[in-house]
Protein backbone atom coordinates (compact mmCIF):
# COMPACT_ATOMS: atom_id res chain seq x y z
CA MET A 1 -41.86 -66.71 -52.14
CA ASN A 2 -42.69 -70.11 -50.70
CA ALA A 3 -46.25 -70.99 -49.92
CA VAL A 4 -46.59 -71.77 -46.23
CA GLY A 5 -42.81 -71.76 -45.97
CA VAL A 6 -42.44 -74.99 -47.92
CA PRO A 7 -39.37 -75.09 -50.15
CA GLY A 8 -39.66 -76.62 -53.58
CA VAL A 9 -42.73 -74.78 -54.83
CA GLU A 10 -40.85 -72.13 -56.78
CA SER A 11 -41.06 -74.07 -60.06
CA TYR A 12 -44.00 -75.04 -62.22
CA TYR A 13 -46.38 -72.55 -60.56
CA LEU A 14 -46.58 -74.94 -57.59
CA LYS A 15 -46.92 -72.03 -55.17
CA ASN A 16 -50.44 -71.69 -56.59
CA LEU A 17 -51.23 -75.21 -57.77
CA ILE A 18 -50.27 -76.78 -54.43
CA GLY A 19 -49.58 -73.83 -52.13
CA ASN A 20 -53.00 -72.17 -52.22
CA PRO A 21 -54.96 -75.37 -51.51
CA LEU A 22 -52.42 -76.23 -48.80
CA ASP A 23 -52.94 -72.82 -47.18
CA THR A 24 -56.69 -73.52 -47.18
CA THR A 25 -56.14 -76.96 -45.69
CA ILE A 26 -54.07 -75.47 -42.87
CA ALA A 27 -56.78 -72.87 -42.26
CA VAL A 28 -59.46 -75.60 -42.01
CA ALA A 29 -57.36 -77.68 -39.62
CA SER A 30 -56.48 -74.65 -37.49
CA LEU A 31 -60.10 -73.53 -37.18
CA VAL A 32 -61.22 -77.04 -36.30
CA PHE A 33 -58.43 -78.26 -34.02
CA GLY A 34 -58.02 -74.84 -32.46
CA GLY A 35 -61.62 -75.18 -31.27
CA VAL A 36 -62.67 -71.91 -32.92
CA LEU A 37 -65.87 -73.35 -34.39
CA GLU A 38 -66.62 -75.25 -31.18
CA ARG A 39 -66.24 -72.11 -29.01
CA HIS A 40 -67.98 -69.73 -31.43
CA PRO A 41 -71.01 -71.46 -32.94
CA ALA A 42 -72.29 -68.26 -34.57
CA LEU A 43 -69.19 -67.84 -36.75
CA THR A 44 -69.44 -68.88 -40.39
CA PHE A 45 -66.51 -69.62 -42.67
CA CYS A 46 -66.40 -70.42 -46.38
CA MET A 47 -63.23 -72.24 -47.35
CA VAL A 48 -61.82 -71.42 -50.77
CA HIS A 49 -60.36 -73.90 -53.26
CA GLY A 50 -63.07 -76.40 -52.32
CA GLY A 51 -61.53 -76.66 -48.85
CA GLY A 52 -58.09 -77.48 -50.24
CA PHE A 53 -57.05 -81.00 -49.34
CA ALA A 54 -59.11 -81.05 -46.13
CA PRO A 55 -62.28 -82.74 -47.46
CA TYR A 56 -60.19 -85.72 -48.52
CA GLN A 57 -58.72 -85.97 -45.02
CA PHE A 58 -61.86 -85.70 -42.87
CA GLY A 59 -61.52 -89.36 -41.88
CA ARG A 60 -57.88 -88.82 -40.95
CA PHE A 61 -58.75 -85.76 -38.86
CA ILE A 62 -61.47 -87.65 -37.00
CA HIS A 63 -59.32 -90.74 -36.50
CA GLY A 64 -56.33 -88.68 -35.34
CA TRP A 65 -58.46 -86.86 -32.78
CA GLY A 66 -59.60 -90.22 -31.45
CA VAL A 67 -56.15 -91.78 -31.04
CA ARG A 68 -53.81 -88.86 -30.29
CA ASP A 69 -53.64 -86.28 -27.52
CA GLU A 70 -52.32 -83.39 -29.62
CA PRO A 71 -55.51 -82.81 -31.66
CA LYS A 72 -57.54 -82.70 -28.42
CA MET A 73 -55.57 -79.80 -26.92
CA GLY A 74 -57.98 -77.19 -28.29
CA LEU A 75 -60.93 -79.34 -29.31
CA LYS A 76 -63.18 -81.00 -26.74
CA THR A 77 -65.31 -83.12 -29.09
CA SER A 78 -64.68 -84.97 -32.32
CA PRO A 79 -63.79 -82.68 -35.25
CA GLN A 80 -66.74 -84.09 -37.18
CA ALA A 81 -69.17 -81.46 -35.84
CA SER A 82 -66.84 -78.57 -36.64
CA LEU A 83 -66.06 -79.90 -40.13
CA GLY A 84 -69.79 -80.11 -40.78
CA ARG A 85 -70.23 -76.40 -40.07
CA LEU A 86 -67.88 -75.12 -42.77
CA PHE A 87 -68.90 -73.93 -46.21
CA TYR A 88 -66.83 -74.53 -49.35
CA ASP A 89 -66.57 -72.88 -52.75
CA THR A 90 -66.61 -74.71 -56.09
CA ILE A 91 -63.10 -73.80 -57.30
CA LEU A 92 -61.90 -77.32 -58.07
CA HIS A 93 -61.68 -77.19 -61.88
CA ASP A 94 -63.10 -80.67 -62.36
CA PRO A 95 -66.59 -82.02 -61.71
CA ARG A 96 -65.36 -85.25 -60.07
CA PRO A 97 -63.83 -83.71 -56.93
CA LEU A 98 -66.71 -81.22 -56.82
CA GLN A 99 -69.22 -84.08 -56.86
CA TYR A 100 -67.27 -85.76 -54.05
CA LEU A 101 -67.27 -82.53 -52.03
CA VAL A 102 -71.03 -82.09 -52.44
CA ASP A 103 -71.63 -85.75 -51.58
CA LEU A 104 -69.45 -85.35 -48.48
CA VAL A 105 -70.74 -82.06 -47.04
CA GLY A 106 -74.11 -81.65 -48.77
CA SER A 107 -75.30 -79.22 -51.41
CA SER A 108 -76.33 -76.70 -48.74
CA ARG A 109 -72.65 -76.26 -47.75
CA VAL A 110 -71.20 -75.53 -51.20
CA LEU A 111 -71.41 -72.26 -53.09
CA LEU A 112 -70.24 -70.92 -56.39
CA GLY A 113 -66.75 -69.47 -56.42
CA THR A 114 -64.96 -67.77 -59.29
CA ASP A 115 -61.55 -66.43 -58.15
CA TYR A 116 -62.25 -63.51 -60.48
CA PRO A 117 -60.17 -61.88 -61.98
CA PHE A 118 -57.27 -64.31 -61.57
CA ASP A 119 -56.03 -66.72 -64.24
CA MET A 120 -56.78 -69.71 -62.01
CA GLY A 121 -60.40 -68.61 -61.79
CA GLN A 122 -63.31 -70.76 -62.78
CA TYR A 123 -65.96 -68.85 -64.67
CA ASP A 124 -68.17 -71.56 -66.17
CA VAL A 125 -71.25 -72.59 -64.19
CA GLY A 126 -71.52 -75.62 -66.49
CA MET A 127 -69.47 -77.69 -64.07
CA VAL A 128 -72.09 -77.22 -61.35
CA ARG A 129 -74.83 -77.87 -63.91
CA SER A 130 -73.14 -81.20 -64.85
CA LEU A 131 -73.27 -82.61 -61.30
CA ASP A 132 -75.53 -85.49 -60.37
CA LEU A 133 -77.85 -83.32 -58.28
CA SER A 134 -81.45 -82.18 -58.37
CA GLU A 135 -82.18 -78.82 -59.99
CA PRO A 136 -82.97 -77.19 -56.61
CA GLU A 137 -79.59 -78.39 -55.26
CA LYS A 138 -77.80 -76.89 -58.27
CA VAL A 139 -79.65 -73.58 -57.81
CA SER A 140 -78.63 -73.58 -54.14
CA ILE A 141 -74.98 -73.95 -55.09
CA LEU A 142 -75.17 -71.40 -57.91
CA ARG A 143 -76.91 -68.67 -55.93
CA GLY A 144 -79.09 -69.70 -52.99
CA ASN A 145 -76.37 -70.66 -50.50
CA ALA A 146 -74.40 -67.45 -51.01
CA ALA A 147 -77.54 -65.35 -50.72
CA ARG A 148 -78.49 -67.19 -47.52
CA LEU A 149 -75.01 -66.64 -46.06
CA ILE A 150 -75.12 -62.90 -46.59
CA GLY A 151 -78.71 -62.72 -45.38
CA ALA A 152 -80.28 -61.77 -48.72
CA VAL A 153 -82.84 -64.61 -48.62
CA ALA A 154 -83.87 -67.37 -46.28
């Protein structure tokens, strides 16, 4: 089976290593450029795999919307506002991209993910603990943001 219909991912477990983050990236772009977040401000989405490749392309998304007609077909305003409404999990397997993600979207938009019980899961909270963040920001990522999203605490 090819992830997102892309040939060449049958070997080396690429259907997971590349395919799953690519699926997430396509989901982010579709929600944003389809105007879903713009039309439905009460909807909340948490993007798995740290948002896939999307966080590293925010600038490209914003620039593309500004210079091309196609991205504007379903989105009236810059994608920046919609991108800023998404939440992201921590499943990145390395503190460096996780630190970048938190720096980009803010600690209030990132929450602990595990992918339990799968082999590509991430079960060590030490990566979040190692980030260059205040203790309250780390607690928000480890439990506060998820609890807030499901309405357990304010």
